[in-house]
Amino acid sequence: MGTEPGLLKGLHLLVVEDDDNGRAILSDLFSYFGANVTVAINARDGLRKLRQVNPDVVVADVRLRDHNAPWLLREARTIPCQAPFVAVTAYNFDERTLRAQGFAALLRKPLDRDSLLGTVATVAKRR
């Protein structure tokens, strides 16, 4: 899968990341590749945003300051939000466990740009 600027055109992504720099980088990257991006600073903010928007994909850091991404995914499904979730983390989480909890994919930080973009595009197509 190529990484041309229009790769994510037409997709709406929700990025849930509590690190200011990480959130800005992800938002800028996804926007550059054509996505409409909504950002959230923590899990509760992410849940509020999910009540306002219907993203095609949610990209969430696993360890957030207020709750973790599995909590956010569980709560999102009660809204109901059916968007696939992509977990990103710098920590050693078991991918099988996260997939069993409902995550479509797990990516480890530092993130590889092409893997991140390819995963988001692929997950969005499966929706």
Protein backbone atom coordinates (compact mmCIF):
# COMPACT_ATOMS: atom_id res chain seq x y z
CA MET A 1 0.00 0.00 0.00
CA GLY A 2 1.43 3.35 -1.02
CA THR A 3 1.69 6.40 1.15
CA GLU A 4 0.48 9.03 -1.31
CA PRO A 5 -1.08 12.16 0.20
CA GLY A 6 -4.68 11.11 -0.57
CA LEU A 7 -4.38 7.66 1.05
CA LEU A 8 -6.83 8.51 3.86
CA LYS A 9 -9.04 10.88 1.89
CA GLY A 10 -12.65 10.75 3.01
CA LEU A 11 -11.89 9.06 6.33
CA HIS A 12 -12.75 10.60 9.68
CA LEU A 13 -10.34 9.54 12.42
CA LEU A 14 -10.49 10.09 16.16
CA VAL A 15 -7.05 10.25 17.77
CA VAL A 16 -7.00 9.71 21.54
CA GLU A 17 -3.53 10.54 22.87
CA ASP A 18 -2.64 12.27 26.15
CA ASP A 19 0.84 13.33 25.04
CA ASP A 20 0.57 16.78 23.40
CA ASN A 21 3.39 16.17 20.92
CA GLY A 22 2.22 12.68 20.02
CA ARG A 23 -1.32 13.92 19.48
CA ALA A 24 -0.15 16.78 17.26
CA ILE A 25 2.11 14.52 15.20
CA LEU A 26 -0.63 11.94 14.62
CA SER A 27 -3.18 14.62 13.78
CA ASP A 28 -0.83 16.35 11.33
CA LEU A 29 0.21 13.07 9.72
CA PHE A 30 -3.35 11.82 9.22
CA SER A 31 -4.46 15.25 7.95
CA TYR A 32 -1.59 15.36 5.47
CA PHE A 33 -2.72 12.03 4.06
CA GLY A 34 -6.27 13.33 3.59
CA ALA A 35 -8.16 12.36 6.75
CA ASN A 36 -10.51 14.56 8.71
CA VAL A 37 -9.13 14.31 12.26
CA THR A 38 -10.77 14.87 15.63
CA VAL A 39 -8.47 14.74 18.66
CA ALA A 40 -9.08 13.87 22.30
CA ILE A 41 -6.69 14.48 25.20
CA ASN A 42 -7.74 11.48 27.31
CA ALA A 43 -10.23 8.60 27.45
CA ARG A 44 -13.11 10.62 28.90
CA ASP A 45 -12.60 13.32 26.27
CA GLY A 46 -12.52 10.56 23.65
CA LEU A 47 -15.84 9.23 24.89
CA ARG A 48 -17.34 12.75 24.75
CA LYS A 49 -16.09 13.12 21.16
CA LEU A 50 -17.54 9.73 20.22
CA ARG A 51 -20.95 11.00 21.31
CA GLN A 52 -20.52 13.95 18.91
CA VAL A 53 -18.84 12.40 15.87
CA ASN A 54 -18.93 9.06 14.06
CA PRO A 55 -15.32 8.30 13.08
CA ASP A 56 -14.32 5.60 10.63
CA VAL A 57 -11.41 4.56 12.87
CA VAL A 58 -10.30 5.38 16.43
CA VAL A 59 -6.55 5.45 17.06
CA ALA A 60 -5.95 5.35 20.81
CA ASP A 61 -2.91 5.19 23.04
CA VAL A 62 -3.34 2.20 25.34
CA ARG A 63 -2.17 3.95 28.52
CA LEU A 64 -3.96 7.23 29.04
CA ARG A 65 -3.84 9.35 32.18
CA ASP A 66 -7.46 8.87 33.23
CA HIS A 67 -8.41 5.44 31.86
CA ASN A 68 -6.92 2.98 29.42
CA ALA A 69 -7.94 2.30 25.83
CA PRO A 70 -9.76 -0.96 26.69
CA TRP A 71 -12.00 1.07 29.04
CA LEU A 72 -12.65 3.55 26.22
CA LEU A 73 -13.48 0.75 23.78
CA ARG A 74 -15.91 -0.89 26.24
CA GLU A 75 -17.64 2.44 26.92
CA ALA A 76 -17.74 3.31 23.21
CA ARG A 77 -19.59 0.10 22.41
CA THR A 78 -22.39 1.16 24.80
CA ILE A 79 -23.05 4.40 22.84
CA PRO A 80 -23.07 2.40 20.43
CA CYS A 81 -19.98 3.25 18.40
CA GLN A 82 -18.94 0.52 15.99
CA ALA A 83 -15.77 2.17 14.68
CA PRO A 84 -12.74 -0.11 14.73
CA PHE A 85 -10.07 0.76 17.30
CA VAL A 86 -6.34 0.71 16.62
CA ALA A 87 -4.26 0.60 19.80
CA VAL A 88 -0.85 2.27 19.92
CA THR A 89 1.57 1.81 22.79
CA ALA A 90 5.16 2.05 23.91
CA TYR A 91 4.49 -0.64 26.51
CA ASN A 92 4.53 -4.41 26.26
CA PHE A 93 0.87 -5.39 25.89
CA ASP A 94 -0.20 -8.77 24.61
CA GLU A 95 -1.69 -8.31 21.15
CA ARG A 96 -3.95 -11.36 21.49
CA THR A 97 -5.44 -9.94 24.69
CA LEU A 98 -6.12 -6.58 23.08
CA ARG A 99 -7.64 -8.23 20.00
CA ALA A 100 -9.84 -10.36 22.27
CA GLN A 101 -11.04 -7.12 23.88
CA GLY A 102 -12.11 -5.88 20.45
CA PHE A 103 -9.14 -3.98 19.03
CA ALA A 104 -8.65 -4.31 15.28
CA ALA A 105 -4.87 -3.83 15.52
CA LEU A 106 -1.99 -3.02 17.87
CA LEU A 107 0.98 -0.90 16.83
CA ARG A 108 4.05 -0.36 18.96
CA LYS A 109 5.77 2.98 19.48
CA PRO A 110 7.89 4.33 18.03
CA LEU A 111 5.41 4.13 15.21
CA ASP A 112 6.50 3.39 11.66
CA ARG A 113 4.71 5.85 9.38
CA ASP A 114 3.97 3.38 6.59
CA SER A 115 2.75 0.67 8.98
CA LEU A 116 0.52 3.16 10.79
CA LEU A 117 -1.01 4.54 7.60
CA GLY A 118 -1.41 1.10 6.06
CA THR A 119 -3.05 -0.29 9.18
CA VAL A 120 -5.50 2.59 9.47
CA ALA A 121 -6.42 2.36 5.77
CA THR A 122 -6.85 -1.43 5.95
CA VAL A 123 -8.93 -1.33 9.13
CA ALA A 124 -11.16 1.39 7.65
CA LYS A 125 -11.80 -0.73 4.52
CA ARG A 126 -12.93 -3.67 6.67
CA ARG A 127 -15.61 -1.57 8.32
